[in-house]
N, C-alpha and C. Protein backbone atom coordinates (compact mmCIF):
# COMPACT_ATOMS: atom_id res chain seq x y z
N ARG A 1 39.98 25.29 13.07
CA ARG A 1 40.86 25.76 11.98
C ARG A 1 40.09 26.01 10.50
N ALA A 2 39.25 24.50 9.95
CA ALA A 2 38.66 24.73 8.88
C ALA A 2 37.68 25.82 9.17
N ILE A 3 37.07 26.22 10.55
CA ILE A 3 36.60 27.58 10.19
C ILE A 3 37.17 28.54 9.75
N LYS A 4 38.31 28.96 9.67
CA LYS A 4 39.03 29.96 10.03
C LYS A 4 39.76 30.22 8.63
N ASP A 5 39.92 28.75 8.00
CA ASP A 5 39.91 28.87 6.26
C ASP A 5 39.41 29.44 5.89
N TYR A 6 37.74 29.08 5.75
CA TYR A 6 36.93 29.50 5.33
C TYR A 6 35.84 29.93 5.11
N ASP A 7 35.99 31.15 6.48
CA ASP A 7 36.03 32.81 6.81
C ASP A 7 36.90 33.21 6.76
N LYS A 8 38.11 33.15 5.94
CA LYS A 8 39.41 33.81 5.26
C LYS A 8 38.65 33.70 3.51
N ALA A 9 37.96 32.69 3.07
CA ALA A 9 37.88 32.55 1.95
C ALA A 9 36.77 33.19 1.80
N ILE A 10 35.54 33.13 2.43
CA ILE A 10 34.48 33.94 2.76
C ILE A 10 34.79 35.41 2.76
N GLN A 11 35.96 35.83 3.74
CA GLN A 11 36.29 36.85 3.13
C GLN A 11 36.94 37.90 1.78
N LEU A 12 37.87 37.41 1.22
CA LEU A 12 38.39 37.30 0.22
C LEU A 12 37.13 37.24 -1.22
N LYS A 13 35.99 36.23 -0.99
CA LYS A 13 35.24 36.49 -2.36
C LYS A 13 34.52 35.76 -1.67
N PRO A 14 33.37 36.75 -0.70
CA PRO A 14 32.25 36.76 -0.35
C PRO A 14 30.90 35.73 -1.48
N ASP A 15 30.73 35.97 -2.52
CA ASP A 15 29.85 34.89 -3.23
C ASP A 15 30.48 33.85 -3.47
N TYR A 16 30.87 33.11 -3.28
CA TYR A 16 31.42 31.88 -3.31
C TYR A 16 30.87 30.72 -2.41
N PRO A 17 29.72 30.05 -2.99
CA PRO A 17 29.01 29.46 -2.23
C PRO A 17 29.58 28.09 -1.78
N HIS A 18 30.43 27.57 -2.04
CA HIS A 18 30.90 26.60 -1.79
C HIS A 18 31.98 26.63 -0.34
N ALA A 19 32.26 27.62 -0.10
CA ALA A 19 32.89 28.03 1.10
C ALA A 19 32.01 27.81 2.09
N TYR A 20 30.77 28.67 2.54
CA TYR A 20 29.43 28.83 2.78
C TYR A 20 29.50 27.24 3.48
N ASN A 21 28.90 26.38 1.91
CA ASN A 21 28.43 25.34 2.46
C ASN A 21 29.70 24.02 3.25
N ASN A 22 31.08 24.53 2.85
CA ASN A 22 32.10 23.77 3.57
C ASN A 22 32.03 24.36 4.94
N ARG A 23 32.03 25.50 5.10
CA ARG A 23 31.99 25.93 6.36
C ARG A 23 30.62 25.80 7.45
N GLY A 24 29.18 25.29 6.69
CA GLY A 24 28.09 24.87 6.91
C GLY A 24 28.56 23.33 7.19
N VAL A 25 29.58 22.55 6.56
CA VAL A 25 29.69 21.09 7.13
C VAL A 25 30.89 20.89 9.14
N ALA A 26 31.62 21.94 8.52
CA ALA A 26 32.24 22.47 9.65
C ALA A 26 31.73 22.60 10.65
N HIS A 27 30.89 23.56 10.75
CA HIS A 27 29.77 23.96 12.36
C HIS A 27 29.00 22.75 12.76
N SER A 28 28.82 22.20 11.50
CA SER A 28 27.83 20.41 11.49
C SER A 28 28.70 19.47 12.44
N GLU A 29 30.25 19.57 12.57
CA GLU A 29 31.06 18.41 12.95
C GLU A 29 31.70 19.47 14.06
N LYS A 30 31.13 20.75 14.62
CA LYS A 30 31.34 20.75 15.37
C LYS A 30 30.43 21.42 17.02
N GLY A 31 28.79 20.43 16.37
CA GLY A 31 28.35 20.07 16.93
C GLY A 31 27.44 21.78 16.89
N GLN A 32 27.57 22.38 15.95
CA GLN A 32 26.78 23.93 16.14
C GLN A 32 25.89 23.55 14.79
N PRO A 33 24.38 23.02 15.11
CA PRO A 33 24.10 22.83 13.55
C PRO A 33 22.52 24.63 13.39
N SER A 34 22.83 25.19 14.30
CA SER A 34 21.98 26.34 13.78
C SER A 34 22.92 27.56 13.58
N ARG A 35 24.25 27.38 13.48
CA ARG A 35 25.29 28.18 12.83
C ARG A 35 25.36 27.52 11.23
N ALA A 36 25.19 26.46 11.36
CA ALA A 36 25.39 25.32 10.10
C ALA A 36 24.63 26.30 9.05
N ILE A 37 23.06 26.19 9.14
CA ILE A 37 22.63 26.72 8.78
C ILE A 37 21.72 27.47 8.12
N GLU A 38 22.70 28.75 8.78
CA GLU A 38 22.80 29.86 8.76
C GLU A 38 24.21 29.97 7.37
N ASP A 39 25.36 28.99 7.59
CA ASP A 39 25.94 29.10 5.85
C ASP A 39 25.34 28.61 4.56
N TYR A 40 24.98 27.14 4.75
CA TYR A 40 23.43 26.33 4.49
C TYR A 40 22.72 26.76 3.47
N ASN A 41 22.21 28.30 4.21
CA ASN A 41 21.13 29.01 3.67
C ASN A 41 21.53 30.02 2.13
N THR A 42 22.70 30.42 3.30
CA THR A 42 23.86 31.51 2.20
C THR A 42 23.63 30.56 0.70
N ALA A 43 24.95 29.23 0.65
CA ALA A 43 25.06 28.64 0.00
C ALA A 43 23.55 28.78 -1.30
N ILE A 44 22.80 28.31 0.06
CA ILE A 44 21.49 28.26 -1.41
C ILE A 44 21.09 29.29 -2.20
N GLN A 45 21.28 30.75 -1.13
CA GLN A 45 21.10 31.91 -2.06
C GLN A 45 21.92 31.95 -2.93
N LEU A 46 22.85 31.77 -3.46
CA LEU A 46 24.04 31.50 -4.20
C LEU A 46 23.49 31.20 -4.81
N THR A 47 23.31 29.41 -4.99
CA THR A 47 23.04 28.20 -5.90
C THR A 47 22.02 27.42 -5.03
N PRO A 48 21.12 28.00 -5.86
CA PRO A 48 19.79 26.68 -5.56
C PRO A 48 19.41 25.85 -5.81
N ASN A 49 20.47 25.79 -6.69
CA ASN A 49 20.39 24.42 -7.51
C ASN A 49 21.44 22.73 -7.29
N THR A 50 22.03 23.61 -5.55
CA THR A 50 23.20 22.14 -5.21
C THR A 50 22.02 22.06 -4.54
N ALA A 51 22.48 20.45 -4.83
CA ALA A 51 22.20 19.41 -4.13
C ALA A 51 22.59 19.71 -2.73
N GLU A 52 23.95 19.48 -2.70
CA GLU A 52 24.51 19.03 -1.57
C GLU A 52 24.14 20.70 0.06
N ALA A 53 24.14 21.02 -0.38
CA ALA A 53 23.78 22.51 0.10
C ALA A 53 22.56 22.21 1.10
N TYR A 54 21.64 21.40 0.46
CA TYR A 54 19.79 20.60 0.92
C TYR A 54 20.13 19.78 1.96
N PHE A 55 21.31 19.37 1.22
CA PHE A 55 21.86 17.66 2.36
C PHE A 55 22.57 18.30 3.43
N GLY A 56 23.21 18.90 3.11
CA GLY A 56 24.18 19.62 4.39
C GLY A 56 22.87 20.38 5.45
N ARG A 57 22.39 20.78 5.19
CA ARG A 57 21.17 22.33 5.83
C ARG A 57 19.74 20.59 6.38
N GLY A 58 20.03 19.71 5.50
CA GLY A 58 18.76 18.71 5.88
C GLY A 58 19.89 17.76 7.37
N ASN A 59 20.61 18.31 7.18
CA ASN A 59 21.49 17.02 8.27
C ASN A 59 21.25 17.88 9.43
N ALA A 60 21.89 19.38 8.91
CA ALA A 60 21.40 20.37 10.49
C ALA A 60 20.06 20.20 11.05
N TYR A 61 18.72 20.33 10.71
CA TYR A 61 17.76 20.39 11.09
C TYR A 61 17.94 19.19 11.61
N HIS A 62 17.69 17.82 10.91
CA HIS A 62 17.79 16.72 11.85
C HIS A 62 18.37 16.37 13.22
N GLU A 63 19.72 16.71 13.22
CA GLU A 63 20.64 17.49 14.63
C GLU A 63 19.48 18.44 15.45
N LYS A 64 18.88 18.95 15.44
CA LYS A 64 18.09 19.96 15.74
C LYS A 64 16.94 19.28 16.49
N GLY A 65 16.62 18.24 15.76
CA GLY A 65 15.17 18.16 16.40
C GLY A 65 14.19 18.12 15.13
N GLN A 66 14.68 19.50 14.15
CA GLN A 66 13.47 19.61 13.48
C GLN A 66 13.60 18.85 11.81
N HIS A 67 13.02 17.43 12.02
CA HIS A 67 12.88 16.15 11.80
C HIS A 67 11.91 16.46 10.08
N ASP A 68 10.64 17.32 10.19
CA ASP A 68 10.41 17.36 9.54
C ASP A 68 10.74 18.74 8.11
N ARG A 69 11.52 19.77 8.66
CA ARG A 69 12.47 20.58 8.10
C ARG A 69 13.54 19.43 7.32
N ALA A 70 14.10 18.98 8.08
CA ALA A 70 15.48 18.60 7.67
C ALA A 70 14.37 16.75 6.49
N ILE A 71 13.53 17.02 6.16
CA ILE A 71 12.67 15.91 4.86
C ILE A 71 12.19 16.55 3.89
N GLN A 72 12.12 17.99 4.22
CA GLN A 72 11.73 19.03 3.44
C GLN A 72 13.39 19.13 2.64
N ASP A 73 14.26 19.32 3.22
CA ASP A 73 15.25 20.02 2.67
C ASP A 73 16.38 18.45 1.67
N PHE A 74 16.03 17.00 2.30
CA PHE A 74 16.44 16.01 2.10
C PHE A 74 15.65 15.60 0.64
N ASP A 75 14.19 16.03 0.23
CA ASP A 75 13.78 16.04 -0.72
C ASP A 75 14.01 16.63 -2.10
N LYS A 76 14.29 18.15 -1.81
CA LYS A 76 15.08 19.13 -2.34
C LYS A 76 16.02 18.73 -2.88
N ALA A 77 17.25 18.17 -2.01
CA ALA A 77 18.25 17.48 -2.68
C ALA A 77 18.00 16.50 -3.45
N ILE A 78 17.26 15.64 -3.28
CA ILE A 78 16.69 14.26 -4.32
C ILE A 78 16.00 15.05 -5.03
N GLU A 79 15.81 15.47 -5.05
CA GLU A 79 14.65 16.88 -6.85
C GLU A 79 16.17 16.89 -7.36
N LEU A 80 17.16 17.66 -6.80
CA LEU A 80 18.06 17.99 -8.09
C LEU A 80 19.20 16.97 -8.57
N ASN A 81 19.25 15.92 -7.56
CA ASN A 81 19.86 14.80 -7.64
C ASN A 81 19.47 13.93 -7.13
N PRO A 82 18.52 12.57 -8.12
CA PRO A 82 17.57 11.37 -8.12
C PRO A 82 18.71 10.68 -7.60
N ASP A 83 19.96 10.73 -7.53
CA ASP A 83 20.66 9.94 -7.41
C ASP A 83 21.57 9.64 -6.00
N TYR A 84 21.00 10.79 -5.15
CA TYR A 84 21.76 10.45 -4.28
C TYR A 84 21.56 10.12 -3.10
N ALA A 85 22.23 8.81 -3.04
CA ALA A 85 21.69 7.64 -2.11
C ALA A 85 21.76 7.80 -0.41
N GLU A 86 23.24 9.03 -0.19
CA GLU A 86 22.98 9.91 1.33
C GLU A 86 22.05 10.20 1.61
N ALA A 87 21.84 11.12 0.60
CA ALA A 87 20.30 11.53 1.25
C ALA A 87 18.33 11.04 1.37
N TYR A 88 19.02 9.69 0.35
CA TYR A 88 18.00 8.90 0.21
C TYR A 88 17.65 8.41 1.87
N ASN A 89 19.03 7.47 2.38
CA ASN A 89 20.27 7.33 3.70
C ASN A 89 19.09 7.80 4.84
N ASN A 90 19.38 9.64 4.71
CA ASN A 90 19.47 10.73 5.51
C ASN A 90 17.55 10.50 6.27
N ARG A 91 17.05 10.74 5.28
CA ARG A 91 15.81 10.63 4.90
C ARG A 91 14.85 10.02 5.86
N GLY A 92 15.58 8.70 5.65
CA GLY A 92 14.59 7.82 6.22
C GLY A 92 15.38 7.60 7.41
N PHE A 93 15.99 8.52 8.20
CA PHE A 93 16.46 8.51 9.41
C PHE A 93 15.62 9.18 10.25
N ALA A 94 15.52 10.19 9.36
CA ALA A 94 13.91 11.73 10.05
C ALA A 94 12.99 10.88 9.89
N TYR A 95 12.86 9.99 9.01
CA TYR A 95 11.35 9.63 8.81
C TYR A 95 11.56 8.65 9.89
N ALA A 96 12.63 7.25 10.46
CA ALA A 96 12.73 7.01 11.47
C ALA A 96 12.02 7.47 12.76
N TYR A 97 12.67 9.15 12.35
CA TYR A 97 12.68 9.91 13.96
C TYR A 97 11.09 9.93 14.18
N MET A 98 10.18 9.92 13.46
CA MET A 98 9.63 10.30 13.63
C MET A 98 8.14 9.26 13.63
N GLY A 99 8.69 8.53 13.49
CA GLY A 99 7.27 6.65 13.68
C GLY A 99 7.34 6.35 12.60
N GLN A 100 7.39 6.89 10.67
CA GLN A 100 7.48 6.40 9.64
C GLN A 100 7.31 5.49 9.26
N LEU A 101 8.25 4.37 9.87
CA LEU A 101 8.97 3.24 9.68
C LEU A 101 8.91 2.90 8.24
N ASP A 102 7.40 2.64 7.61
CA ASP A 102 7.21 2.12 6.21
C ASP A 102 8.18 2.90 5.30
N ARG A 103 7.92 4.43 5.57
CA ARG A 103 8.46 5.66 4.20
C ARG A 103 10.36 5.64 4.55
N ALA A 104 10.62 5.03 6.20
CA ALA A 104 12.11 5.10 6.27
C ALA A 104 12.29 3.59 5.50
N ILE A 105 11.98 2.66 5.62
CA ILE A 105 12.79 1.15 5.44
C ILE A 105 12.37 2.02 3.16
N GLN A 106 11.47 2.35 2.88
CA GLN A 106 11.58 2.38 1.45
C GLN A 106 13.02 4.06 0.87
N ASP A 107 13.22 4.63 1.88
CA ASP A 107 14.51 5.24 1.45
C ASP A 107 15.42 4.65 1.75
N TYR A 108 15.68 3.47 2.70
CA TYR A 108 16.59 2.75 2.91
C TYR A 108 16.66 1.73 1.62
N ASP A 109 16.24 1.20 1.61
CA ASP A 109 15.88 0.77 0.20
C ASP A 109 16.20 1.13 -1.14
N LYS A 110 16.11 2.61 -1.16
CA LYS A 110 16.15 3.08 -2.18
C LYS A 110 17.54 3.20 -1.83
N ALA A 111 18.40 4.19 -1.34
CA ALA A 111 19.74 3.99 -0.59
C ALA A 111 20.44 2.82 -1.22
N ILE A 112 20.23 2.20 -0.87
CA ILE A 112 20.96 0.25 -1.27
C ILE A 112 20.90 0.52 -2.52
N GLN A 113 19.64 0.45 -3.34
CA GLN A 113 19.65 0.63 -4.47
C GLN A 113 20.17 1.06 -4.98
N LEU A 114 20.03 2.57 -5.22
CA LEU A 114 21.40 3.98 -5.12
C LEU A 114 23.19 2.75 -5.11
N LYS A 115 23.27 2.38 -3.53
CA LYS A 115 24.59 2.64 -3.56
C LYS A 115 24.67 1.03 -2.83
N PRO A 116 25.60 0.03 -3.02
CA PRO A 116 24.38 -1.35 -2.38
C PRO A 116 26.19 -1.14 -1.22
N ASP A 117 26.81 -0.38 -0.83
CA ASP A 117 27.93 -0.71 -0.11
C ASP A 117 27.31 0.43 1.03
N LEU A 118 26.83 0.95 0.89
CA LEU A 118 26.39 2.23 2.59
C LEU A 118 25.99 1.60 3.27
N ALA A 119 27.07 1.14 3.97
CA ALA A 119 26.56 0.41 5.49
C ALA A 119 25.70 1.16 6.07
N GLY A 120 25.79 2.16 6.46
CA GLY A 120 24.55 2.97 7.43
C GLY A 120 22.62 2.73 7.03
N ALA A 121 22.78 2.77 5.58
CA ALA A 121 21.39 2.26 5.04
C ALA A 121 21.08 1.07 5.47
N TYR A 122 21.38 0.05 5.73
CA TYR A 122 21.42 -0.91 6.61
C TYR A 122 21.59 -1.29 7.91
N TYR A 123 21.93 -0.54 8.18
CA TYR A 123 21.95 -0.47 9.67
C TYR A 123 20.36 0.90 10.17
N GLY A 124 20.65 1.65 9.48
CA GLY A 124 19.20 2.23 9.33
C GLY A 124 17.75 1.11 9.19
N ARG A 125 18.18 0.69 8.25
CA ARG A 125 16.35 -0.12 7.76
C ARG A 125 16.73 -1.44 9.27
N ALA A 126 18.23 -2.09 9.78
CA ALA A 126 18.07 -2.83 10.74
C ALA A 126 16.94 -2.52 11.89
N LEU A 127 16.77 -1.12 11.96
CA LEU A 127 16.36 -0.45 13.18
C LEU A 127 15.46 -0.14 12.78
N ALA A 128 14.84 0.28 11.42
CA ALA A 128 13.47 0.08 11.29
C ALA A 128 12.38 -1.46 11.46
N TYR A 129 13.00 -1.75 11.08
CA TYR A 129 12.56 -3.42 10.68
C TYR A 129 12.92 -4.43 12.11
N PHE A 130 13.29 -3.38 13.43
CA PHE A 130 13.57 -4.12 14.72
C PHE A 130 12.30 -3.25 16.34
N LEU A 131 12.26 -2.51 15.19
CA LEU A 131 11.28 -1.55 15.89
C LEU A 131 9.79 -2.13 15.49
N LYS A 132 10.03 -2.57 14.40
CA LYS A 132 8.30 -2.73 13.42
C LYS A 132 8.59 -4.43 14.34
N ARG A 133 9.25 -5.37 14.81
CA ARG A 133 9.43 -6.29 14.98
C ARG A 133 9.56 -7.62 14.49
N ASP A 134 10.10 -7.34 13.07
CA ASP A 134 10.55 -7.78 12.21
C ASP A 134 11.75 -8.44 12.22
N TYR A 135 12.40 -9.69 13.38
CA TYR A 135 13.67 -9.54 13.55
C TYR A 135 14.46 -10.08 13.10
N GLU A 136 13.82 -11.18 11.92
CA GLU A 136 14.63 -11.93 10.78
C GLU A 136 15.18 -10.45 10.04
N LYS A 137 14.98 -9.77 9.24
CA LYS A 137 15.12 -8.72 8.54
C LYS A 137 16.16 -7.63 8.65
N ALA A 138 15.86 -7.40 10.53
CA ALA A 138 16.55 -6.92 11.16
C ALA A 138 18.23 -7.02 11.25
N SER A 139 17.66 -8.61 11.72
CA SER A 139 18.96 -9.26 11.65
C SER A 139 20.13 -9.54 10.66
N ALA A 140 19.51 -10.01 8.78
CA ALA A 140 19.96 -9.49 7.99
C ALA A 140 20.98 -8.66 7.46
N ASP A 141 20.13 -7.66 8.22
CA ASP A 141 20.83 -6.28 7.48
C ASP A 141 21.46 -5.92 8.82
N VAL A 142 21.73 -5.77 9.59
CA VAL A 142 22.79 -6.17 10.72
C VAL A 142 24.08 -6.75 10.70
N LYS A 143 23.50 -8.59 9.79
CA LYS A 143 25.08 -9.04 9.19
C LYS A 143 25.59 -8.14 8.18
N MET A 144 24.46 -7.59 7.53
CA MET A 144 25.31 -7.05 6.10
C MET A 144 25.54 -5.88 6.51
N CYS A 145 25.88 -4.90 7.23
CA CYS A 145 25.93 -3.45 7.71
C CYS A 145 27.85 -4.12 8.83
N ARG A 146 27.61 -5.08 9.46
CA ARG A 146 29.22 -5.63 9.51
C ARG A 146 29.95 -6.18 8.51
N LYS A 147 29.26 -6.47 7.70
CA LYS A 147 30.36 -6.91 6.78
C LYS A 147 31.18 -5.75 6.07
N LEU A 148 29.91 -4.68 5.32
CA LEU A 148 30.87 -3.76 4.98
C LEU A 148 31.55 -2.53 5.83
N GLY A 149 31.30 -3.22 7.27
CA GLY A 149 32.43 -3.16 7.37
C GLY A 149 31.83 -1.52 8.54
N GLY A 150 30.08 -1.28 8.69
CA GLY A 150 30.07 -0.39 9.20
C GLY A 150 29.60 -0.71 10.76
N LYS A 151 29.73 -0.04 11.73
CA LYS A 151 29.23 -0.51 12.94
C LYS A 151 28.04 -0.38 13.69
N ILE A 152 28.12 -1.62 14.81
CA ILE A 152 26.28 -1.77 14.98
C ILE A 152 26.65 -1.67 17.12
N THR A 153 25.71 -0.39 17.25
CA THR A 153 26.13 -0.41 18.69
C THR A 153 25.89 -1.84 19.87
N PRO A 154 26.90 -2.03 20.86
CA PRO A 154 25.94 -3.05 20.84
C PRO A 154 25.01 -3.27 21.80
N ALA A 155 24.41 -2.27 22.28
CA ALA A 155 23.33 -2.04 23.24
C ALA A 155 22.49 -2.09 21.79
N PHE A 156 22.04 -2.15 20.39
CA PHE A 156 21.31 -2.83 19.71
C PHE A 156 21.31 -4.06 19.40
N LEU A 157 22.75 -4.64 19.59
CA LEU A 157 22.93 -6.18 19.22
C LEU A 157 22.34 -6.94 20.49
N GLU A 158 22.08 -5.91 21.54
CA GLU A 158 21.92 -7.14 22.70
C GLU A 158 20.53 -7.03 22.91
N GLU A 159 19.73 -6.14 21.87
CA GLU A 159 18.18 -6.17 22.20
C GLU A 159 17.72 -7.24 21.44
N LEU A 160 18.16 -7.07 19.79
CA LEU A 160 17.74 -7.67 18.61
C LEU A 160 18.12 -9.31 18.92
N LYS A 161 19.55 -9.56 20.19
CA LYS A 161 19.35 -10.82 20.52
C LYS A 161 18.03 -11.42 21.40
N LYS A 162 18.28 -10.37 22.38
CA LYS A 162 16.76 -10.83 23.69
C LYS A 162 15.00 -10.74 22.79
N ALA A 163 14.98 -9.73 21.78
CA ALA A 163 14.35 -9.54 21.02
C ALA A 163 13.50 -10.92 19.81
N SER A 164 14.63 -11.38 19.41
CA SER A 164 14.75 -12.35 18.32
C SER A 164 15.11 -13.40 18.59
N GLY A 165 15.54 -13.35 20.74
CA GLY A 165 15.86 -14.93 21.13
C GLY A 165 16.93 -15.45 19.88
N ARG A 166 17.71 -15.23 19.57
CA ARG A 166 19.02 -15.85 19.28
C ARG A 166 20.68 -15.53 19.51
N LYS A 167 21.33 -16.44 19.55
CA LYS A 167 22.63 -16.14 20.52
C LYS A 167 23.53 -15.15 19.98
N GLU A 168 23.26 -14.89 18.23
CA GLU A 168 24.23 -14.37 17.51
C GLU A 168 23.28 -13.22 16.84
């Protein structure tokens, strides 16, 4: 339904970048990252200084496993909006997927500094600390994530318990 509404908006005003950006979000939510990227590309062509379009396209590239391209777009989103906590967070996930855990942790730290209630940043940082075998810090971040209402997968909780020797 949302996509059809944006199709109509684009038909009425083909140079309206927000319609392309929002349709890109809708395509991403439907698991269609390639179609989302097309819409974000158009939004960026129409308004090259829109951090949200680069952020959205970065997410779509990340979803496709193209982490280098995702990082480039998150970099641009951050350049355009240096206080964009979610862009730091998602760039952190891309770095983590590439095995660059220290860079991921730096981005999670910055996201948390900018937005202390961003539960996903604590979760991402917990995963990175876990992979670095720093179970104490991973456990502290899991606790904070949960305190903020974030969800932690049961499998990760179990792995963390085993690795750290903790009961909780």
